[in-house]
Amino acid sequence: MTTYDRLMKNPKFKAEFEKGYNDFLISEFMIEKMEEEKISVRELAKKTKVSPTTIQNLRSGKADSVKLKTLTNVLQNLGYVLRPVKLAAL
């Protein structure tokens, strides 16, 4: 059994890992799409009517207090949709 497998058996560790991983994915999706479309932080902020600081925080994975509505709006403007997925029982 790998270290990863052992760590993932710990529910607290697994929850923290998954939260961090989800933040990382959102950040990577945003960076990729913004580079692909040549959209700056300020342009996306203006288009989505949120502050450039909020966009930058999302891009860096540091947006702990962003409202779901804001996140959904930003992702939709980049061509993504946020969908809930039921987790397996812990």
C-alpha atoms as a PDB file:
ATOM      1  CA  MET A   1       0.000   0.000   0.000  1.00  0.00           C
ATOM      2  CA  THR A   2       1.381   3.410  -0.973  1.00  0.00           C
ATOM      3  CA  THR A   3       1.688   6.416   1.322  1.00  0.00           C
ATOM      4  CA  TYR A   4      -1.029   8.099  -0.730  1.00  0.00           C
ATOM      5  CA  ASP A   5      -3.388   5.151  -0.165  1.00  0.00           C
ATOM      6  CA  ARG A   6      -2.733   5.213   3.580  1.00  0.00           C
ATOM      7  CA  LEU A   7      -3.274   8.968   3.790  1.00  0.00           C
ATOM      8  CA  MET A   8      -6.498   8.802   1.793  1.00  0.00           C
ATOM      9  CA  LYS A   9      -7.944   6.383   4.360  1.00  0.00           C
ATOM     10  CA  ASN A  10      -7.894   9.237   6.866  1.00  0.00           C
ATOM     11  CA  PRO A  11     -11.237  11.091   6.338  1.00  0.00           C
ATOM     12  CA  LYS A  12      -9.889  14.433   7.615  1.00  0.00           C
ATOM     13  CA  PHE A  13      -6.823  14.293   5.364  1.00  0.00           C
ATOM     14  CA  LYS A  14      -8.904  13.161   2.395  1.00  0.00           C
ATOM     15  CA  ALA A  15     -11.375  16.062   2.803  1.00  0.00           C
ATOM     16  CA  GLU A  16      -8.574  18.636   2.999  1.00  0.00           C
ATOM     17  CA  PHE A  17      -6.782  17.089   0.038  1.00  0.00           C
ATOM     18  CA  GLU A  18      -9.922  17.103  -2.108  1.00  0.00           C
ATOM     19  CA  LYS A  19     -10.726  20.716  -1.236  1.00  0.00           C
ATOM     20  CA  GLY A  20      -7.220  21.792  -2.180  1.00  0.00           C
ATOM     21  CA  TYR A  21      -7.341  19.731  -5.352  1.00  0.00           C
ATOM     22  CA  ASN A  22     -10.649  21.304  -6.410  1.00  0.00           C
ATOM     23  CA  ASP A  23      -9.210  24.791  -5.835  1.00  0.00           C
ATOM     24  CA  PHE A  24      -6.194  23.781  -7.931  1.00  0.00           C
ATOM     25  CA  LEU A  25      -8.404  22.520 -10.780  1.00  0.00           C
ATOM     26  CA  ILE A  26     -10.457  25.722 -10.889  1.00  0.00           C
ATOM     27  CA  SER A  27      -7.245  27.728 -10.959  1.00  0.00           C
ATOM     28  CA  GLU A  28      -5.789  25.624 -13.776  1.00  0.00           C
ATOM     29  CA  PHE A  29      -8.988  25.789 -15.860  1.00  0.00           C
ATOM     30  CA  MET A  30      -9.084  29.572 -15.511  1.00  0.00           C
ATOM     31  CA  ILE A  31      -5.426  30.090 -16.347  1.00  0.00           C
ATOM     32  CA  GLU A  32      -5.603  27.808 -19.377  1.00  0.00           C
ATOM     33  CA  LYS A  33      -8.750  29.391 -20.808  1.00  0.00           C
ATOM     34  CA  MET A  34      -7.636  32.969 -20.121  1.00  0.00           C
ATOM     35  CA  GLU A  35      -4.317  32.322 -21.881  1.00  0.00           C
ATOM     36  CA  GLU A  36      -6.058  30.545 -24.750  1.00  0.00           C
ATOM     37  CA  GLU A  37      -8.538  33.407 -25.222  1.00  0.00           C
ATOM     38  CA  LYS A  38      -5.952  36.095 -24.381  1.00  0.00           C
ATOM     39  CA  ILE A  39      -8.207  37.508 -21.647  1.00  0.00           C
ATOM     40  CA  SER A  40      -6.554  39.573 -18.928  1.00  0.00           C
ATOM     41  CA  VAL A  41      -7.587  39.569 -15.277  1.00  0.00           C
ATOM     42  CA  ARG A  42      -9.009  43.078 -15.680  1.00  0.00           C
ATOM     43  CA  GLU A  43     -10.949  42.160 -18.830  1.00  0.00           C
ATOM     44  CA  LEU A  44     -12.522  39.124 -17.178  1.00  0.00           C
ATOM     45  CA  ALA A  45     -13.298  41.149 -14.059  1.00  0.00           C
ATOM     46  CA  LYS A  46     -15.067  43.792 -16.133  1.00  0.00           C
ATOM     47  CA  LYS A  47     -16.980  41.186 -18.154  1.00  0.00           C
ATOM     48  CA  THR A  48     -18.145  39.312 -15.046  1.00  0.00           C
ATOM     49  CA  LYS A  49     -18.654  42.441 -12.907  1.00  0.00           C
ATOM     50  CA  VAL A  50     -16.378  41.261 -10.117  1.00  0.00           C
ATOM     51  CA  SER A  51     -13.176  42.804  -8.816  1.00  0.00           C
ATOM     52  CA  PRO A  52      -9.825  42.018 -10.408  1.00  0.00           C
ATOM     53  CA  THR A  53      -8.725  40.872  -6.938  1.00  0.00           C
ATOM     54  CA  THR A  54     -11.447  38.197  -6.942  1.00  0.00           C
ATOM     55  CA  ILE A  55     -10.362  36.966 -10.377  1.00  0.00           C
ATOM     56  CA  GLN A  56      -6.720  36.898  -9.302  1.00  0.00           C
ATOM     57  CA  ASN A  57      -7.606  35.012  -6.107  1.00  0.00           C
ATOM     58  CA  LEU A  58      -9.528  32.411  -8.107  1.00  0.00           C
ATOM     59  CA  ARG A  59      -6.578  32.051 -10.491  1.00  0.00           C
ATOM     60  CA  SER A  60      -4.195  31.524  -7.598  1.00  0.00           C
ATOM     61  CA  GLY A  61      -6.451  29.104  -5.689  1.00  0.00           C
ATOM     62  CA  LYS A  62      -6.858  31.521  -2.762  1.00  0.00           C
ATOM     63  CA  ALA A  63     -10.543  32.367  -3.098  1.00  0.00           C
ATOM     64  CA  ASP A  64     -11.887  30.908   0.144  1.00  0.00           C
ATOM     65  CA  SER A  65     -14.700  33.434   0.496  1.00  0.00           C
ATOM     66  CA  VAL A  66     -15.982  33.668  -3.083  1.00  0.00           C
ATOM     67  CA  LYS A  67     -19.732  33.196  -3.369  1.00  0.00           C
ATOM     68  CA  LEU A  68     -20.972  30.275  -5.408  1.00  0.00           C
ATOM     69  CA  LYS A  69     -22.877  32.680  -7.664  1.00  0.00           C
ATOM     70  CA  THR A  70     -19.665  34.584  -8.409  1.00  0.00           C
ATOM     71  CA  LEU A  71     -17.694  31.419  -9.116  1.00  0.00           C
ATOM     72  CA  THR A  72     -20.430  30.108 -11.399  1.00  0.00           C
ATOM     73  CA  ASN A  73     -20.571  33.413 -13.281  1.00  0.00           C
ATOM     74  CA  VAL A  74     -16.811  33.543 -13.809  1.00  0.00           C
ATOM     75  CA  LEU A  75     -16.596  29.927 -14.945  1.00  0.00           C
ATOM     76  CA  GLN A  76     -19.552  30.311 -17.330  1.00  0.00           C
ATOM     77  CA  ASN A  77     -17.885  33.330 -18.918  1.00  0.00           C
ATOM     78  CA  LEU A  78     -14.875  31.123 -19.566  1.00  0.00           C
ATOM     79  CA  GLY A  79     -16.972  28.353 -21.096  1.00  0.00           C
ATOM     80  CA  TYR A  80     -17.175  26.044 -18.080  1.00  0.00           C
ATOM     81  CA  VAL A  81     -20.083  24.828 -15.986  1.00  0.00           C
ATOM     82  CA  LEU A  82     -19.966  23.927 -12.315  1.00  0.00           C
ATOM     83  CA  ARG A  83     -21.759  20.675 -11.549  1.00  0.00           C
ATOM     84  CA  PRO A  84     -22.198  18.993  -8.187  1.00  0.00           C
ATOM     85  CA  VAL A  85     -21.039  15.402  -8.010  1.00  0.00           C
ATOM     86  CA  LYS A  86     -22.110  13.086  -5.218  1.00  0.00           C
ATOM     87  CA  LEU A  87     -19.151  11.731  -3.280  1.00  0.00           C
ATOM     88  CA  ALA A  88     -18.833   8.113  -2.296  1.00  0.00           C
ATOM     89  CA  ALA A  89     -19.551   7.359   1.351  1.00  0.00           C
ATOM     90  CA  LEU A  90     -16.572   8.045   3.570  1.00  0.00           C
END
